[in-house]
Amino acid sequence: MGVTYDKSRMFAVRIVKLYKYLCDEKKEFILSKQLLRCGTSQTWLKQTVRSVKATLRQKSMSP
């Protein structure tokens, strides 16, 4: 997972900081809650990793 995992983790941390800023400074609760939910979801990361692994397996098996 390496680089992909690290970048997605850094992205999620930035999203959490943005969420806190929007709630505390701008008093924006609806948009910030949706941003937090989408920006910290791990589902897309898992799907991407599975897809990359499947592609690599296919390339290694083909002549």
C-alpha atoms as a PDB file:
ATOM      1  CA  MET A   1       0.000   0.000   0.000  1.00  0.00           C
ATOM      2  CA  GLY A   2       2.855   2.386   0.800  1.00  0.00           C
ATOM      3  CA  VAL A   3       2.556   5.649  -1.100  1.00  0.00           C
ATOM      4  CA  THR A   4      -1.186   5.405  -1.759  1.00  0.00           C
ATOM      5  CA  TYR A   5      -1.946   4.781   1.892  1.00  0.00           C
ATOM      6  CA  ASP A   6       0.320   7.607   3.068  1.00  0.00           C
ATOM      7  CA  LYS A   7      -1.161  10.134   0.653  1.00  0.00           C
ATOM      8  CA  SER A   8      -4.725   9.171   1.515  1.00  0.00           C
ATOM      9  CA  ARG A   9      -3.949   9.476   5.214  1.00  0.00           C
ATOM     10  CA  MET A  10      -2.456  12.954   4.723  1.00  0.00           C
ATOM     11  CA  PHE A  11      -5.528  13.915   2.681  1.00  0.00           C
ATOM     12  CA  ALA A  12      -7.856  12.691   5.435  1.00  0.00           C
ATOM     13  CA  VAL A  13      -5.947  14.702   8.047  1.00  0.00           C
ATOM     14  CA  ARG A  14      -6.311  17.837   5.903  1.00  0.00           C
ATOM     15  CA  ILE A  15     -10.039  17.167   5.524  1.00  0.00           C
ATOM     16  CA  VAL A  16     -10.450  16.891   9.300  1.00  0.00           C
ATOM     17  CA  LYS A  17      -8.622  20.203   9.781  1.00  0.00           C
ATOM     18  CA  LEU A  18     -10.818  21.844   7.142  1.00  0.00           C
ATOM     19  CA  TYR A  19     -13.908  20.422   8.859  1.00  0.00           C
ATOM     20  CA  LYS A  20     -12.840  21.944  12.179  1.00  0.00           C
ATOM     21  CA  TYR A  21     -12.148  25.294  10.511  1.00  0.00           C
ATOM     22  CA  LEU A  22     -15.519  25.355   8.751  1.00  0.00           C
ATOM     23  CA  CYS A  23     -17.380  24.513  11.947  1.00  0.00           C
ATOM     24  CA  ASP A  24     -15.472  26.817  14.288  1.00  0.00           C
ATOM     25  CA  GLU A  25     -14.733  29.844  12.113  1.00  0.00           C
ATOM     26  CA  LYS A  26     -17.415  29.861   9.424  1.00  0.00           C
ATOM     27  CA  LYS A  27     -20.240  28.170  11.353  1.00  0.00           C
ATOM     28  CA  GLU A  28     -20.895  25.910   8.350  1.00  0.00           C
ATOM     29  CA  PHE A  29     -22.245  22.600   9.625  1.00  0.00           C
ATOM     30  CA  ILE A  30     -24.061  20.858   6.779  1.00  0.00           C
ATOM     31  CA  LEU A  31     -21.409  21.164   4.083  1.00  0.00           C
ATOM     32  CA  SER A  32     -18.596  20.455   6.534  1.00  0.00           C
ATOM     33  CA  LYS A  33     -20.282  17.273   7.770  1.00  0.00           C
ATOM     34  CA  GLN A  34     -20.664  15.953   4.203  1.00  0.00           C
ATOM     35  CA  LEU A  35     -17.061  16.902   3.416  1.00  0.00           C
ATOM     36  CA  LEU A  36     -15.863  15.013   6.477  1.00  0.00           C
ATOM     37  CA  ARG A  37     -17.888  11.933   5.571  1.00  0.00           C
ATOM     38  CA  CYS A  38     -16.642  11.817   1.975  1.00  0.00           C
ATOM     39  CA  GLY A  39     -13.076  12.965   2.539  1.00  0.00           C
ATOM     40  CA  THR A  40     -12.273  10.425   5.214  1.00  0.00           C
ATOM     41  CA  SER A  41     -13.960   7.408   3.619  1.00  0.00           C
ATOM     42  CA  GLN A  42     -11.613   4.441   3.297  1.00  0.00           C
ATOM     43  CA  THR A  43     -13.833   2.583   0.826  1.00  0.00           C
ATOM     44  CA  TRP A  44     -12.375   4.188  -2.287  1.00  0.00           C
ATOM     45  CA  LEU A  45      -8.850   3.457  -1.080  1.00  0.00           C
ATOM     46  CA  LYS A  46      -9.618  -0.228  -0.583  1.00  0.00           C
ATOM     47  CA  GLN A  47     -11.197  -0.442  -4.039  1.00  0.00           C
ATOM     48  CA  THR A  48      -8.217   1.266  -5.642  1.00  0.00           C
ATOM     49  CA  VAL A  49      -5.726  -1.063  -3.962  1.00  0.00           C
ATOM     50  CA  ARG A  50      -7.726  -4.139  -5.039  1.00  0.00           C
ATOM     51  CA  SER A  51      -7.886  -2.845  -8.599  1.00  0.00           C
ATOM     52  CA  VAL A  52      -4.143  -2.176  -8.750  1.00  0.00           C
ATOM     53  CA  LYS A  53      -3.359  -5.620  -7.329  1.00  0.00           C
ATOM     54  CA  ALA A  54      -5.659  -7.298  -9.870  1.00  0.00           C
ATOM     55  CA  THR A  55      -4.045  -5.371 -12.725  1.00  0.00           C
ATOM     56  CA  LEU A  56      -0.561  -6.335 -11.565  1.00  0.00           C
ATOM     57  CA  ARG A  57      -1.602  -9.994 -11.293  1.00  0.00           C
ATOM     58  CA  GLN A  58      -2.988  -9.941 -14.819  1.00  0.00           C
ATOM     59  CA  LYS A  59       0.180  -8.374 -16.218  1.00  0.00           C
ATOM     60  CA  SER A  60       2.408 -10.881 -14.452  1.00  0.00           C
ATOM     61  CA  MET A  61       0.378 -13.826 -15.768  1.00  0.00           C
ATOM     62  CA  SER A  62       0.211 -12.687 -19.400  1.00  0.00           C
ATOM     63  CA  PRO A  63       3.151 -13.689 -21.648  1.00  0.00           C
END
